[in-house]
Amino acid sequence: MGDNEWLNGQFAWSDRLGIYVPALKEDWDTIGRARQTAVLEFWENVRGAIPDRVIIFEEQIKIKQELLFTEEDFEASCRLNGEIAELASRINDLHIWFRTQQDLDEETKRHG
């Protein structure tokens, strides 16, 4: 298996978040330094897109909040509240993934 094919297999697309997320097929300690570096470089590129994804979700929340403010139908209000909560959950998950880089860097330094 080529290195690019291997690297692509270490990440999975998340429709919910709109980014690739790590899905390592092997234990971090068992892969070589070159592959660890490739994973970290790929992840750094993905990680760089996370703030833009957060902004998109925040804008969607603002739109839904404006709709909620004028909505008079209870069921529609409940639906909008649910959609806002789901978008907020996505933002929270993105923040967690954004901090993942620090964990990977620390792991690499301990074993490097």
Protein backbone atom coordinates (compact mmCIF):
# COMPACT_ATOMS: atom_id res chain seq x y z
CA MET A 1 0.00 0.00 0.00
CA GLY A 2 1.43 3.37 -1.00
CA ASP A 3 1.98 6.10 1.55
CA ASN A 4 -0.78 8.34 0.12
CA GLU A 5 -3.27 5.49 0.13
CA TRP A 6 -2.23 4.60 3.68
CA LEU A 7 -2.55 8.24 4.80
CA ASN A 8 -6.01 8.61 3.26
CA GLY A 9 -7.07 5.52 5.20
CA GLN A 10 -6.15 7.19 8.49
CA PHE A 11 -8.91 9.80 8.17
CA ALA A 12 -12.66 9.59 7.65
CA TRP A 13 -14.96 12.24 6.21
CA SER A 14 -17.54 13.57 8.68
CA ASP A 15 -20.65 14.84 6.92
CA ARG A 16 -21.84 16.22 10.25
CA LEU A 17 -18.74 18.38 10.78
CA GLY A 18 -17.66 18.95 7.19
CA ILE A 19 -14.06 17.89 7.82
CA TYR A 20 -11.89 14.79 7.82
CA VAL A 21 -11.38 13.37 11.29
CA PRO A 22 -8.65 11.01 12.44
CA ALA A 23 -9.57 7.34 12.18
CA LEU A 24 -6.20 5.73 12.80
CA LYS A 25 -6.13 2.07 11.82
CA GLU A 26 -3.00 1.38 13.87
CA ASP A 27 -1.79 2.33 17.32
CA TRP A 28 0.14 5.61 17.16
CA ASP A 29 3.22 4.02 18.72
CA THR A 30 3.42 1.31 16.06
CA ILE A 31 3.66 3.56 13.02
CA GLY A 32 7.01 4.94 11.95
CA ARG A 33 8.18 8.50 12.41
CA ALA A 34 7.68 9.36 8.70
CA ARG A 35 4.05 8.21 8.79
CA GLN A 36 3.45 10.00 12.09
CA THR A 37 4.77 13.17 10.47
CA ALA A 38 2.52 12.66 7.44
CA VAL A 39 -0.52 12.22 9.70
CA LEU A 40 0.37 15.35 11.65
CA GLU A 41 0.87 17.40 8.47
CA PHE A 42 -2.45 16.21 7.00
CA TRP A 43 -4.22 16.91 10.29
CA GLU A 44 -2.67 20.38 10.52
CA ASN A 45 -4.21 21.21 7.13
CA VAL A 46 -7.62 19.92 8.24
CA ARG A 47 -7.28 21.68 11.57
CA GLY A 48 -6.65 24.96 9.76
CA ALA A 49 -10.13 24.72 8.21
CA ILE A 50 -11.91 24.22 11.54
CA PRO A 51 -12.31 27.94 12.43
CA ASP A 52 -14.04 28.52 9.07
CA ARG A 53 -16.42 25.59 9.75
CA VAL A 54 -17.21 27.09 13.18
CA ILE A 55 -18.02 30.45 11.58
CA ILE A 56 -20.37 28.78 9.10
CA PHE A 57 -22.23 26.98 11.89
CA GLU A 58 -22.38 30.19 13.97
CA GLU A 59 -23.93 32.03 11.02
CA GLN A 60 -26.52 29.27 10.64
CA ILE A 61 -27.33 29.55 14.35
CA LYS A 62 -27.86 33.32 14.03
CA ILE A 63 -30.26 32.81 11.13
CA LYS A 64 -32.22 30.19 13.07
CA GLN A 65 -32.30 32.40 16.16
CA GLU A 66 -33.78 35.23 14.10
CA LEU A 67 -36.41 32.85 12.76
CA LEU A 68 -37.09 31.61 16.27
CA PHE A 69 -37.60 35.16 17.52
CA THR A 70 -40.51 35.69 15.12
CA GLU A 71 -41.87 32.13 15.08
CA GLU A 72 -45.31 31.80 16.65
CA ASP A 73 -45.91 28.10 16.01
CA PHE A 74 -44.83 26.00 19.01
CA GLU A 75 -43.82 22.93 16.98
CA ALA A 76 -41.78 25.05 14.57
CA SER A 77 -40.12 26.76 17.55
CA CYS A 78 -39.21 23.37 19.01
CA ARG A 79 -37.77 22.26 15.67
CA LEU A 80 -35.68 25.43 15.39
CA ASN A 81 -34.44 25.00 18.98
CA GLY A 82 -33.40 21.45 18.14
CA GLU A 83 -31.56 22.60 15.01
CA ILE A 84 -29.77 25.31 17.00
CA ALA A 85 -28.75 22.77 19.63
CA GLU A 86 -27.41 20.42 16.94
CA LEU A 87 -25.35 23.21 15.37
CA ALA A 88 -23.99 24.19 18.80
CA SER A 89 -23.05 20.54 19.37
CA ARG A 90 -21.15 20.53 16.08
CA ILE A 91 -19.26 23.66 17.11
CA ASN A 92 -18.35 22.00 20.41
CA ASP A 93 -17.10 18.89 18.58
CA LEU A 94 -15.05 21.05 16.22
CA HIS A 95 -13.43 22.80 19.19
CA ILE A 96 -12.51 19.41 20.63
CA TRP A 97 -11.00 18.29 17.32
CA PHE A 98 -9.13 21.60 17.03
CA ARG A 99 -7.40 20.91 20.36
CA THR A 100 -6.45 17.39 19.24
CA GLN A 101 -3.26 18.67 17.61
CA GLN A 102 -1.80 19.53 20.99
CA ASP A 103 -2.42 15.97 22.20
CA LEU A 104 -0.76 14.45 19.13
CA ASP A 105 2.25 16.76 19.41
CA GLU A 106 2.72 15.89 23.08
CA GLU A 107 2.45 12.17 22.32
CA THR A 108 5.06 12.49 19.55
CA LYS A 109 7.47 14.38 21.79
CA ARG A 110 7.17 11.79 24.57
CA HIS A 111 8.03 8.95 22.20
CA GLY A 112 10.36 10.87 19.89
